[in-house]
Amino acid sequence: MDHLQTQSISLPRLGLGTYRMQGDACRAAVESALALGYRHIDAAEMYANEEAIGAIASSGVARKARCAESRIRRRLPQGDRAPAEG
């Protein structure tokens, strides 16, 4: 599979996006994608599907050979505001 080199990280160019996937449907999609050769699973904390994404751990695909990308929402202390963009 073709890889993208960015910031000293090598990522497979083709990945499975899991936005709006939940529960058994998400788990099945992750398992199918891995069986088909996908090695990049895109996730985010705000998708709230971490448990289903966990199927990657029992996939039999070596940890070294797979990439689970996740974005974590930055939480600011109560009352603080995010910096203005610009």
PDB file of N, CA and C in Angstrom:
ATOM      1  N   MET A   1       0.850  -1.177   0.000  1.00  0.00           N
ATOM      2  CA  MET A   1       0.000   0.000   0.000  1.00  0.00           C
ATOM      3  C   MET A   1       0.897   1.243   0.000  1.00  0.00           C
ATOM      4  N   ASP A   2       0.465   2.238  -0.703  1.00  0.00           N
ATOM      5  CA  ASP A   2       1.189   3.504  -0.808  1.00  0.00           C
ATOM      6  C   ASP A   2       1.074   4.274   0.510  1.00  0.00           C
ATOM      7  N   HIS A   3       2.180   4.899   0.934  1.00  0.00           N
ATOM      8  CA  HIS A   3       2.207   5.646   2.193  1.00  0.00           C
ATOM      9  C   HIS A   3       2.488   7.123   1.944  1.00  0.00           C
ATOM     10  N   LEU A   4       2.004   7.937   2.850  1.00  0.00           N
ATOM     11  CA  LEU A   4       2.254   9.374   2.860  1.00  0.00           C
ATOM     12  C   LEU A   4       3.219   9.660   3.995  1.00  0.00           C
ATOM     13  N   GLN A   5       4.277  10.374   3.710  1.00  0.00           N
ATOM     14  CA  GLN A   5       5.267  10.738   4.727  1.00  0.00           C
ATOM     15  C   GLN A   5       4.971  12.161   5.182  1.00  0.00           C
ATOM     16  N   THR A   6       4.672  12.334   6.467  1.00  0.00           N
ATOM     17  CA  THR A   6       4.385  13.659   6.995  1.00  0.00           C
ATOM     18  C   THR A   6       4.922  13.789   8.412  1.00  0.00           C
ATOM     19  N   GLN A   7       5.648  14.848   8.685  1.00  0.00           N
ATOM     20  CA  GLN A   7       6.203  15.113  10.014  1.00  0.00           C
ATOM     21  C   GLN A   7       6.848  13.867  10.620  1.00  0.00           C
ATOM     22  N   SER A   8       7.669  13.200   9.844  1.00  0.00           N
ATOM     23  CA  SER A   8       8.386  11.995  10.284  1.00  0.00           C
ATOM     24  C   SER A   8       7.474  10.810  10.577  1.00  0.00           C
ATOM     25  N   ILE A   9       6.247  10.864  10.105  1.00  0.00           N
ATOM     26  CA  ILE A   9       5.295   9.774  10.305  1.00  0.00           C
ATOM     27  C   ILE A   9       4.897   9.237   8.941  1.00  0.00           C
ATOM     28  N   SER A  10       4.861   7.927   8.818  1.00  0.00           N
ATOM     29  CA  SER A  10       4.427   7.291   7.582  1.00  0.00           C
ATOM     30  C   SER A  10       3.008   6.752   7.780  1.00  0.00           C
ATOM     31  N   LEU A  11       2.063   7.265   6.995  1.00  0.00           N
ATOM     32  CA  LEU A  11       0.658   6.847   7.090  1.00  0.00           C
ATOM     33  C   LEU A  11       0.212   6.231   5.779  1.00  0.00           C
ATOM     34  N   PRO A  12      -0.556   5.130   5.841  1.00  0.00           N
ATOM     35  CA  PRO A  12      -1.140   4.610   4.608  1.00  0.00           C
ATOM     36  C   PRO A  12      -2.049   5.675   4.000  1.00  0.00           C
ATOM     37  N   ARG A  13      -1.972   5.871   2.697  1.00  0.00           N
ATOM     38  CA  ARG A  13      -2.795   6.895   2.042  1.00  0.00           C
ATOM     39  C   ARG A  13      -4.285   6.570   2.095  1.00  0.00           C
ATOM     40  N   LEU A  14      -4.622   5.303   2.093  1.00  0.00           N
ATOM     41  CA  LEU A  14      -6.023   4.893   2.115  1.00  0.00           C
ATOM     42  C   LEU A  14      -6.392   4.473   3.525  1.00  0.00           C
ATOM     43  N   GLY A  15      -7.465   5.055   4.059  1.00  0.00           N
ATOM     44  CA  GLY A  15      -7.889   4.714   5.410  1.00  0.00           C
ATOM     45  C   GLY A  15      -9.400   4.625   5.501  1.00  0.00           C
ATOM     46  N   LEU A  16      -9.861   4.008   6.563  1.00  0.00           N
ATOM     47  CA  LEU A  16     -11.292   3.905   6.819  1.00  0.00           C
ATOM     48  C   LEU A  16     -11.695   5.018   7.775  1.00  0.00           C
ATOM     49  N   GLY A  17     -12.598   5.867   7.356  1.00  0.00           N
ATOM     50  CA  GLY A  17     -13.149   6.907   8.219  1.00  0.00           C
ATOM     51  C   GLY A  17     -14.307   6.337   9.016  1.00  0.00           C
ATOM     52  N   THR A  18     -14.392   6.663  10.286  1.00  0.00           N
ATOM     53  CA  THR A  18     -15.428   6.079  11.137  1.00  0.00           C
ATOM     54  C   THR A  18     -16.451   7.095  11.647  1.00  0.00           C
ATOM     55  N   TYR A  19     -16.479   8.292  11.048  1.00  0.00           N
ATOM     56  CA  TYR A  19     -17.429   9.320  11.464  1.00  0.00           C
ATOM     57  C   TYR A  19     -18.853   8.801  11.324  1.00  0.00           C
ATOM     58  N   ARG A  20     -19.642   8.969  12.366  1.00  0.00           N
ATOM     59  CA  ARG A  20     -21.048   8.552  12.443  1.00  0.00           C
ATOM     60  C   ARG A  20     -21.253   7.042  12.498  1.00  0.00           C
ATOM     61  N   MET A  21     -20.183   6.264  12.593  1.00  0.00           N
ATOM     62  CA  MET A  21     -20.329   4.812  12.765  1.00  0.00           C
ATOM     63  C   MET A  21     -20.413   4.515  14.255  1.00  0.00           C
ATOM     64  N   GLN A  22     -21.293   3.607  14.627  1.00  0.00           N
ATOM     65  CA  GLN A  22     -21.477   3.260  16.033  1.00  0.00           C
ATOM     66  C   GLN A  22     -21.642   1.755  16.193  1.00  0.00           C
ATOM     67  N   GLY A  23     -21.359   1.261  17.385  1.00  0.00           N
ATOM     68  CA  GLY A  23     -21.669  -0.105  17.792  1.00  0.00           C
ATOM     69  C   GLY A  23     -21.206  -1.196  16.865  1.00  0.00           C
ATOM     70  N   ASP A  24     -22.081  -2.189  16.680  1.00  0.00           N
ATOM     71  CA  ASP A  24     -21.754  -3.374  15.890  1.00  0.00           C
ATOM     72  C   ASP A  24     -21.445  -3.041  14.434  1.00  0.00           C
ATOM     73  N   ALA A  25     -22.132  -2.048  13.877  1.00  0.00           N
ATOM     74  CA  ALA A  25     -21.873  -1.662  12.482  1.00  0.00           C
ATOM     75  C   ALA A  25     -20.455  -1.123  12.337  1.00  0.00           C
ATOM     76  N   CYS A  26     -20.008  -0.342  13.302  1.00  0.00           N
ATOM     77  CA  CYS A  26     -18.650   0.207  13.279  1.00  0.00           C
ATOM     78  C   CYS A  26     -17.635  -0.918  13.442  1.00  0.00           C
ATOM     79  N   ARG A  27     -17.879  -1.786  14.416  1.00  0.00           N
ATOM     80  CA  ARG A  27     -16.978  -2.912  14.661  1.00  0.00           C
ATOM     81  C   ARG A  27     -16.835  -3.770  13.401  1.00  0.00           C
ATOM     82  N   ALA A  28     -17.952  -4.069  12.757  1.00  0.00           N
ATOM     83  CA  ALA A  28     -17.930  -4.888  11.547  1.00  0.00           C
ATOM     84  C   ALA A  28     -17.178  -4.188  10.417  1.00  0.00           C
ATOM     85  N   ALA A  29     -17.363  -2.870  10.292  1.00  0.00           N
ATOM     86  CA  ALA A  29     -16.664  -2.118   9.241  1.00  0.00           C
ATOM     87  C   ALA A  29     -15.157  -2.140   9.471  1.00  0.00           C
ATOM     88  N   VAL A  30     -14.742  -1.962  10.729  1.00  0.00           N
ATOM     89  CA  VAL A  30     -13.312  -1.990  11.055  1.00  0.00           C
ATOM     90  C   VAL A  30     -12.740  -3.375  10.761  1.00  0.00           C
ATOM     91  N   GLU A  31     -13.428  -4.412  11.209  1.00  0.00           N
ATOM     92  CA  GLU A  31     -12.956  -5.785  10.967  1.00  0.00           C
ATOM     93  C   GLU A  31     -12.868  -6.083   9.475  1.00  0.00           C
ATOM     94  N   SER A  32     -13.877  -5.682   8.708  1.00  0.00           N
ATOM     95  CA  SER A  32     -13.869  -5.913   7.255  1.00  0.00           C
ATOM     96  C   SER A  32     -12.738  -5.149   6.577  1.00  0.00           C
ATOM     97  N   ALA A  33     -12.569  -3.896   6.967  1.00  0.00           N
ATOM     98  CA  ALA A  33     -11.516  -3.079   6.370  1.00  0.00           C
ATOM     99  C   ALA A  33     -10.145  -3.700   6.614  1.00  0.00           C
ATOM    100  N   LEU A  34      -9.899  -4.145   7.841  1.00  0.00           N
ATOM    101  CA  LEU A  34      -8.612  -4.766   8.156  1.00  0.00           C
ATOM    102  C   LEU A  34      -8.418  -6.059   7.370  1.00  0.00           C
ATOM    103  N   ALA A  35      -9.493  -6.845   7.229  1.00  0.00           N
ATOM    104  CA  ALA A  35      -9.411  -8.089   6.461  1.00  0.00           C
ATOM    105  C   ALA A  35      -9.132  -7.819   4.980  1.00  0.00           C
ATOM    106  N   LEU A  36      -9.595  -6.668   4.488  1.00  0.00           N
ATOM    107  CA  LEU A  36      -9.380  -6.303   3.081  1.00  0.00           C
ATOM    108  C   LEU A  36      -8.019  -5.655   2.836  1.00  0.00           C
ATOM    109  N   GLY A  37      -7.277  -5.383   3.916  1.00  0.00           N
ATOM    110  CA  GLY A  37      -5.945  -4.829   3.747  1.00  0.00           C
ATOM    111  C   GLY A  37      -5.768  -3.394   4.201  1.00  0.00           C
ATOM    112  N   TYR A  38      -6.840  -2.753   4.653  1.00  0.00           N
ATOM    113  CA  TYR A  38      -6.704  -1.404   5.196  1.00  0.00           C
ATOM    114  C   TYR A  38      -5.827  -1.479   6.444  1.00  0.00           C
ATOM    115  N   ARG A  39      -4.985  -0.494   6.621  1.00  0.00           N
ATOM    116  CA  ARG A  39      -4.138  -0.452   7.807  1.00  0.00           C
ATOM    117  C   ARG A  39      -4.197   0.904   8.490  1.00  0.00           C
ATOM    118  N   HIS A  40      -5.092   1.771   8.035  1.00  0.00           N
ATOM    119  CA  HIS A  40      -5.248   3.111   8.591  1.00  0.00           C
ATOM    120  C   HIS A  40      -6.721   3.282   8.963  1.00  0.00           C
ATOM    121  N   ILE A  41      -6.983   3.411  10.266  1.00  0.00           N
ATOM    122  CA  ILE A  41      -8.340   3.627  10.756  1.00  0.00           C
ATOM    123  C   ILE A  41      -8.391   5.030  11.358  1.00  0.00           C
ATOM    124  N   ASP A  42      -9.257   5.866  10.828  1.00  0.00           N
ATOM    125  CA  ASP A  42      -9.377   7.257  11.259  1.00  0.00           C
ATOM    126  C   ASP A  42     -10.518   7.376  12.264  1.00  0.00           C
ATOM    127  N   ALA A  43     -10.218   7.924  13.433  1.00  0.00           N
ATOM    128  CA  ALA A  43     -11.227   8.055  14.488  1.00  0.00           C
ATOM    129  C   ALA A  43     -11.058   9.396  15.194  1.00  0.00           C
ATOM    130  N   ALA A  44     -11.987   9.713  16.066  1.00  0.00           N
ATOM    131  CA  ALA A  44     -11.884  10.928  16.874  1.00  0.00           C
ATOM    132  C   ALA A  44     -12.703  10.735  18.138  1.00  0.00           C
ATOM    133  N   GLU A  45     -12.264  11.345  19.211  1.00  0.00           N
ATOM    134  CA  GLU A  45     -12.969  11.246  20.481  1.00  0.00           C
ATOM    135  C   GLU A  45     -14.438  11.650  20.337  1.00  0.00           C
ATOM    136  N   MET A  46     -14.694  12.696  19.564  1.00  0.00           N
ATOM    137  CA  MET A  46     -16.071  13.188  19.445  1.00  0.00           C
ATOM    138  C   MET A  46     -16.998  12.228  18.691  1.00  0.00           C
ATOM    139  N   TYR A  47     -16.452  11.211  18.020  1.00  0.00           N
ATOM    140  CA  TYR A  47     -17.295  10.220  17.340  1.00  0.00           C
ATOM    141  C   TYR A  47     -17.942   9.266  18.353  1.00  0.00           C
ATOM    142  N   ALA A  48     -17.353   9.178  19.562  1.00  0.00           N
ATOM    143  CA  ALA A  48     -17.874   8.320  20.641  1.00  0.00           C
ATOM    144  C   ALA A  48     -18.036   6.862  20.207  1.00  0.00           C
ATOM    145  N   ASN A  49     -17.056   6.351  19.460  1.00  0.00           N
ATOM    146  CA  ASN A  49     -17.118   4.950  19.036  1.00  0.00           C
ATOM    147  C   ASN A  49     -15.827   4.191  19.386  1.00  0.00           C
ATOM    148  N   GLU A  50     -15.153   4.641  20.454  1.00  0.00           N
ATOM    149  CA  GLU A  50     -13.874   4.047  20.839  1.00  0.00           C
ATOM    150  C   GLU A  50     -13.978   2.551  21.094  1.00  0.00           C
ATOM    151  N   GLU A  51     -15.053   2.116  21.729  1.00  0.00           N
ATOM    152  CA  GLU A  51     -15.195   0.696  22.033  1.00  0.00           C
ATOM    153  C   GLU A  51     -15.258  -0.134  20.744  1.00  0.00           C
ATOM    154  N   ALA A  52     -16.015   0.324  19.770  1.00  0.00           N
ATOM    155  CA  ALA A  52     -16.123  -0.400  18.500  1.00  0.00           C
ATOM    156  C   ALA A  52     -14.805  -0.383  17.732  1.00  0.00           C
ATOM    157  N   ILE A  53     -14.086   0.734  17.803  1.00  0.00           N
ATOM    158  CA  ILE A  53     -12.793   0.836  17.139  1.00  0.00           C
ATOM    159  C   ILE A  53     -11.811  -0.142  17.769  1.00  0.00           C
ATOM    160  N   GLY A  54     -12.063  -0.498  19.022  1.00  0.00           N
ATOM    161  CA  GLY A  54     -11.215  -1.453  19.725  1.00  0.00           C
ATOM    162  C   GLY A  54     -11.102  -2.791  19.023  1.00  0.00           C
ATOM    163  N   ALA A  55     -11.955  -3.056  18.051  1.00  0.00           N
ATOM    164  CA  ALA A  55     -11.875  -4.295  17.270  1.00  0.00           C
ATOM    165  C   ALA A  55     -10.515  -4.430  16.605  1.00  0.00           C
ATOM    166  N   ILE A  56      -9.853  -3.303  16.407  1.00  0.00           N
ATOM    167  CA  ILE A  56      -8.540  -3.319  15.770  1.00  0.00           C
ATOM    168  C   ILE A  56      -7.543  -4.130  16.608  1.00  0.00           C
ATOM    169  N   ALA A  57      -7.691  -4.103  17.934  1.00  0.00           N
ATOM    170  CA  ALA A  57      -6.749  -4.802  18.818  1.00  0.00           C
ATOM    171  C   ALA A  57      -6.844  -6.317  18.687  1.00  0.00           C
ATOM    172  N   SER A  58      -8.026  -6.827  18.392  1.00  0.00           N
ATOM    173  CA  SER A  58      -8.201  -8.276  18.273  1.00  0.00           C
ATOM    174  C   SER A  58      -8.208  -8.751  16.821  1.00  0.00           C
ATOM    175  N   SER A  59      -7.739  -7.894  15.923  1.00  0.00           N
ATOM    176  CA  SER A  59      -7.801  -8.195  14.498  1.00  0.00           C
ATOM    177  C   SER A  59      -6.773  -9.223  14.033  1.00  0.00           C
ATOM    178  N   GLY A  60      -5.725  -9.391  14.810  1.00  0.00           N
ATOM    179  CA  GLY A  60      -4.651 -10.282  14.369  1.00  0.00           C
ATOM    180  C   GLY A  60      -3.615  -9.559  13.527  1.00  0.00           C
ATOM    181  N   VAL A  61      -3.868  -8.297  13.194  1.00  0.00           N
ATOM    182  CA  VAL A  61      -2.905  -7.487  12.445  1.00  0.00           C
ATOM    183  C   VAL A  61      -1.912  -6.920  13.455  1.00  0.00           C
ATOM    184  N   ALA A  62      -0.636  -7.144  13.202  1.00  0.00           N
ATOM    185  CA  ALA A  62       0.398  -6.685  14.125  1.00  0.00           C
ATOM    186  C   ALA A  62       0.289  -5.183  14.370  1.00  0.00           C
ATOM    187  N   ARG A  63       0.487  -4.769  15.595  1.00  0.00           N
ATOM    188  CA  ARG A  63       0.385  -3.354  15.964  1.00  0.00           C
ATOM    189  C   ARG A  63       1.291  -2.490  15.093  1.00  0.00           C
ATOM    190  N   LYS A  64       2.466  -3.006  14.782  1.00  0.00           N
ATOM    191  CA  LYS A  64       3.423  -2.281  13.944  1.00  0.00           C
ATOM    192  C   LYS A  64       2.883  -2.010  12.539  1.00  0.00           C
ATOM    193  N   ALA A  65       2.000  -2.875  12.071  1.00  0.00           N
ATOM    194  CA  ALA A  65       1.511  -2.807  10.697  1.00  0.00           C
ATOM    195  C   ALA A  65       0.247  -1.983  10.541  1.00  0.00           C
ATOM    196  N   ARG A  66      -0.306  -1.477  11.630  1.00  0.00           N
ATOM    197  CA  ARG A  66      -1.564  -0.739  11.533  1.00  0.00           C
ATOM    198  C   ARG A  66      -1.421   0.654  12.127  1.00  0.00           C
ATOM    199  N   CYS A  67      -2.312   1.533  11.727  1.00  0.00           N
ATOM    200  CA  CYS A  67      -2.294   2.912  12.210  1.00  0.00           C
ATOM    201  C   CYS A  67      -3.717   3.297  12.584  1.00  0.00           C
ATOM    202  N   ALA A  68      -3.927   3.582  13.861  1.00  0.00           N
ATOM    203  CA  ALA A  68      -5.217   4.082  14.308  1.00  0.00           C
ATOM    204  C   ALA A  68      -5.010   5.547  14.656  1.00  0.00           C
ATOM    205  N   GLU A  69      -5.563   6.408  13.850  1.00  0.00           N
ATOM    206  CA  GLU A  69      -5.413   7.856  14.043  1.00  0.00           C
ATOM    207  C   GLU A  69      -6.619   8.363  14.810  1.00  0.00           C
ATOM    208  N   SER A  70      -6.387   9.174  15.825  1.00  0.00           N
ATOM    209  CA  SER A  70      -7.483   9.724  16.598  1.00  0.00           C
ATOM    210  C   SER A  70      -7.209  11.175  16.946  1.00  0.00           C
ATOM    211  N   ARG A  71      -8.244  11.961  16.919  1.00  0.00           N
ATOM    212  CA  ARG A  71      -8.139  13.360  17.328  1.00  0.00           C
ATOM    213  C   ARG A  71      -8.849  13.508  18.665  1.00  0.00           C
ATOM    214  N   ILE A  72      -8.198  14.172  19.575  1.00  0.00           N
ATOM    215  CA  ILE A  72      -8.759  14.382  20.907  1.00  0.00           C
ATOM    216  C   ILE A  72      -9.120  15.848  21.047  1.00  0.00           C
ATOM    217  N   ARG A  73     -10.323  16.094  21.458  1.00  0.00           N
ATOM    218  CA  ARG A  73     -10.806  17.463  21.617  1.00  0.00           C
ATOM    219  C   ARG A  73     -10.068  18.147  22.757  1.00  0.00           C
ATOM    220  N   ARG A  74      -9.622  19.338  22.523  1.00  0.00           N
ATOM    221  CA  ARG A  74      -8.929  20.111  23.544  1.00  0.00           C
ATOM    222  C   ARG A  74      -9.959  20.703  24.502  1.00  0.00           C
ATOM    223  N   ARG A  75      -9.771  20.417  25.763  1.00  0.00           N
ATOM    224  CA  ARG A  75     -10.687  20.942  26.777  1.00  0.00           C
ATOM    225  C   ARG A  75     -10.027  22.115  27.481  1.00  0.00           C
ATOM    226  N   LEU A  76     -10.737  23.203  27.556  1.00  0.00           N
ATOM    227  CA  LEU A  76     -10.236  24.395  28.234  1.00  0.00           C
ATOM    228  C   LEU A  76     -10.836  24.474  29.623  1.00  0.00           C
ATOM    229  N   PRO A  77     -10.103  25.036  30.573  1.00  0.00           N
ATOM    230  CA  PRO A  77     -10.666  25.219  31.913  1.00  0.00           C
ATOM    231  C   PRO A  77     -11.957  26.042  31.831  1.00  0.00           C
ATOM    232  N   GLN A  78     -12.854  25.803  32.751  1.00  0.00           N
ATOM    233  CA  GLN A  78     -14.136  26.519  32.772  1.00  0.00           C
ATOM    234  C   GLN A  78     -13.913  28.022  32.700  1.00  0.00           C
ATOM    235  N   GLY A  79     -14.606  28.672  31.802  1.00  0.00           N
ATOM    236  CA  GLY A  79     -14.516  30.118  31.672  1.00  0.00           C
ATOM    237  C   GLY A  79     -13.471  30.584  30.673  1.00  0.00           C
ATOM    238  N   ASP A  80     -12.513  29.723  30.324  1.00  0.00           N
ATOM    239  CA  ASP A  80     -11.512  30.102  29.341  1.00  0.00           C
ATOM    240  C   ASP A  80     -12.111  29.971  27.956  1.00  0.00           C
ATOM    241  N   ARG A  81     -11.539  30.712  27.029  1.00  0.00           N
ATOM    242  CA  ARG A  81     -12.024  30.662  25.657  1.00  0.00           C
ATOM    243  C   ARG A  81     -10.882  30.251  24.748  1.00  0.00           C
ATOM    244  N   ALA A  82     -11.232  29.612  23.680  1.00  0.00           N
ATOM    245  CA  ALA A  82     -10.220  29.234  22.692  1.00  0.00           C
ATOM    246  C   ALA A  82      -9.636  30.500  22.085  1.00  0.00           C
ATOM    247  N   PRO A  83      -8.355  30.474  21.709  1.00  0.00           N
ATOM    248  CA  PRO A  83      -7.749  31.650  21.083  1.00  0.00           C
ATOM    249  C   PRO A  83      -8.439  31.994  19.771  1.00  0.00           C
ATOM    250  N   ALA A  84      -8.552  33.261  19.489  1.00  0.00           N
ATOM    251  CA  ALA A  84      -9.148  33.711  18.228  1.00  0.00           C
ATOM    252  C   ALA A  84      -8.276  33.281  17.070  1.00  0.00           C
ATOM    253  N   GLU A  85      -8.920  32.851  15.995  1.00  0.00           N
ATOM    254  CA  GLU A  85      -8.177  32.470  14.790  1.00  0.00           C
ATOM    255  C   GLU A  85      -7.857  33.714  13.986  1.00  0.00           C
ATOM    256  N   GLY A  86      -6.764  33.638  13.256  1.00  0.00           N
ATOM    257  CA  GLY A  86      -6.515  34.767  12.404  1.00  0.00           C
ATOM    258  C   GLY A  86      -5.147  35.066  12.245  1.00  0.00           C
TER     259      GLY A  86
END
